[in-house]
Amino acid sequence: MSNPDELLVAISAAVESERSNQMSLTVVVGGAVITGRLAPEAMWRERVAEVLKGSDRLGLFSDVFARGPRGNRPGPGEAPTHLHFHLARILQGSLGIPETGGMYRVAIKDVSAWTVGDLSYFDG
């Protein structure tokens, strides 16, 4: 989207202000379908930093996420520009990758379609 969807920006702002991770969302970005729960940016960065810190090869990158721009907070009056997914999967066919869920950051302006809820497949 050349102009970010105002409703999607408002949903992201509500997640940021409430510090909640209970909002499930499914988006289409560049043809990929990503489904999962939104998290506030600071919470998302903290979790990514924890995962990286535990890695022998990637531990030095944990500080990049822990610090974050503007102390992990949007500036006063700034609208969120990204969605921060945790426990998220990229849906492909009947698979969700990764099965356990991952951490994804998506630019709101790049979302071409979205729906409330976490989509999942059941083999039945």
Protein backbone atom coordinates (compact mmCIF):
# COMPACT_ATOMS: atom_id res chain seq x y z
CA MET A 1 0.00 0.00 0.00
CA SER A 2 1.45 3.35 -0.92
CA ASN A 3 -0.65 4.88 1.87
CA PRO A 4 -0.81 2.69 4.97
CA ASP A 5 -4.30 1.53 5.90
CA GLU A 6 -5.45 3.85 8.69
CA LEU A 7 -7.37 1.06 10.44
CA LEU A 8 -4.29 -1.16 10.48
CA VAL A 9 -2.22 1.74 11.86
CA ALA A 10 -4.88 2.24 14.57
CA ILE A 11 -4.77 -1.47 15.49
CA SER A 12 -0.98 -1.31 15.75
CA ALA A 13 -1.19 1.85 17.87
CA ALA A 14 -3.67 0.14 20.21
CA VAL A 15 -1.31 -2.84 20.61
CA GLU A 16 1.55 -0.42 21.35
CA SER A 17 -0.41 1.58 23.91
CA GLU A 18 -1.94 -1.37 25.74
CA ARG A 19 1.28 -3.42 25.73
CA SER A 20 -0.87 -6.41 24.84
CA ASN A 21 0.07 -9.43 22.76
CA GLN A 22 -3.40 -10.88 22.37
CA MET A 23 -4.39 -9.36 18.97
CA SER A 24 -4.27 -12.02 16.26
CA LEU A 25 -3.85 -10.83 12.69
CA THR A 26 -3.22 -12.30 9.25
CA VAL A 27 -1.59 -10.18 6.56
CA VAL A 28 -0.53 -10.54 2.95
CA VAL A 29 2.86 -8.99 2.20
CA GLY A 30 4.54 -9.44 -1.17
CA GLY A 31 2.36 -12.47 -1.84
CA ALA A 32 3.29 -14.16 1.45
CA VAL A 33 0.60 -14.85 4.05
CA ILE A 34 1.78 -14.23 7.62
CA THR A 35 -0.45 -15.09 10.54
CA GLY A 36 0.10 -14.70 14.26
CA ARG A 37 -0.21 -12.39 17.24
CA LEU A 38 0.91 -8.78 17.36
CA ALA A 39 3.23 -7.58 20.09
CA PRO A 40 4.32 -4.11 21.11
CA GLU A 41 7.63 -3.23 19.48
CA ALA A 42 9.52 -3.02 22.79
CA MET A 43 8.30 -6.47 23.85
CA TRP A 44 9.14 -7.89 20.40
CA ARG A 45 12.66 -6.40 20.46
CA GLU A 46 13.24 -7.73 23.97
CA ARG A 47 12.26 -11.25 22.95
CA VAL A 48 14.42 -11.19 19.79
CA ALA A 49 17.36 -9.90 21.86
CA GLU A 50 16.90 -12.78 24.35
CA VAL A 51 16.92 -15.36 21.56
CA LEU A 52 20.02 -13.85 19.92
CA LYS A 53 21.87 -13.50 23.21
CA GLY A 54 21.59 -17.27 23.68
CA SER A 55 23.31 -17.93 20.35
CA ASP A 56 27.06 -18.44 20.11
CA ARG A 57 27.14 -17.09 16.55
CA LEU A 58 24.56 -14.31 16.77
CA GLY A 59 24.89 -13.11 20.37
CA LEU A 60 26.66 -9.89 19.41
CA PHE A 61 23.53 -8.73 17.52
CA SER A 62 21.35 -8.89 20.62
CA ASP A 63 22.40 -5.37 21.65
CA VAL A 64 21.03 -3.96 18.38
CA PHE A 65 17.56 -5.19 19.31
CA ALA A 66 17.85 -4.45 23.03
CA ARG A 67 18.78 -0.79 22.42
CA GLY A 68 16.42 -0.03 19.61
CA PRO A 69 15.72 3.40 18.17
CA ARG A 70 14.16 6.02 20.44
CA GLY A 71 14.43 3.73 23.46
CA ASN A 72 12.04 1.18 21.89
CA ARG A 73 9.16 3.68 21.73
CA PRO A 74 7.55 5.69 18.94
CA GLY A 75 8.06 9.41 19.37
CA PRO A 76 5.20 11.56 20.65
CA GLY A 77 2.43 11.75 18.07
CA GLU A 78 4.16 9.28 15.74
CA ALA A 79 2.03 6.56 14.22
CA PRO A 80 3.47 3.03 14.18
CA THR A 81 5.11 2.09 10.88
CA HIS A 82 5.55 -1.65 11.46
CA LEU A 83 3.64 -4.64 12.76
CA HIS A 84 5.57 -6.87 15.15
CA PHE A 85 4.43 -10.49 15.07
CA HIS A 86 5.34 -13.20 17.53
CA LEU A 87 4.15 -16.79 17.51
CA ALA A 88 3.70 -16.16 13.78
CA ARG A 89 3.90 -18.42 10.76
CA ILE A 90 4.26 -17.94 7.03
CA LEU A 91 1.52 -20.04 5.48
CA GLN A 92 2.44 -22.13 2.48
CA GLY A 93 0.08 -24.81 1.27
CA SER A 94 -0.95 -26.82 4.30
CA LEU A 95 2.15 -25.84 6.28
CA GLY A 96 2.90 -23.05 8.70
CA ILE A 97 6.59 -22.15 8.71
CA PRO A 98 8.01 -22.42 11.32
CA GLU A 99 5.60 -24.81 13.04
CA THR A 100 6.32 -23.33 16.46
CA GLY A 101 5.95 -19.71 15.33
CA GLY A 102 8.52 -17.05 14.65
CA MET A 103 9.18 -13.35 15.10
CA TYR A 104 8.37 -11.16 12.10
CA ARG A 105 8.50 -7.40 11.53
CA VAL A 106 6.33 -6.16 8.66
CA ALA A 107 6.09 -2.62 7.28
CA ILE A 108 2.45 -1.55 7.44
CA LYS A 109 2.80 0.24 4.08
CA ASP A 110 3.67 -3.12 2.45
CA VAL A 111 0.51 -4.93 3.61
CA SER A 112 -1.79 -5.51 0.65
CA ALA A 113 -4.56 -7.37 2.52
CA TRP A 114 -5.33 -8.34 6.10
CA THR A 115 -7.92 -9.88 8.37
CA VAL A 116 -8.37 -10.13 12.10
CA GLY A 117 -7.58 -13.60 13.41
CA ASP A 118 -4.89 -16.22 13.26
CA LEU A 119 -5.34 -18.64 10.37
CA SER A 120 -4.30 -22.23 10.77
CA TYR A 121 -4.68 -25.44 8.83
CA PHE A 122 -6.05 -28.67 10.16
CA ASP A 123 -5.51 -32.02 8.53
CA GLY A 124 -8.82 -33.74 8.66
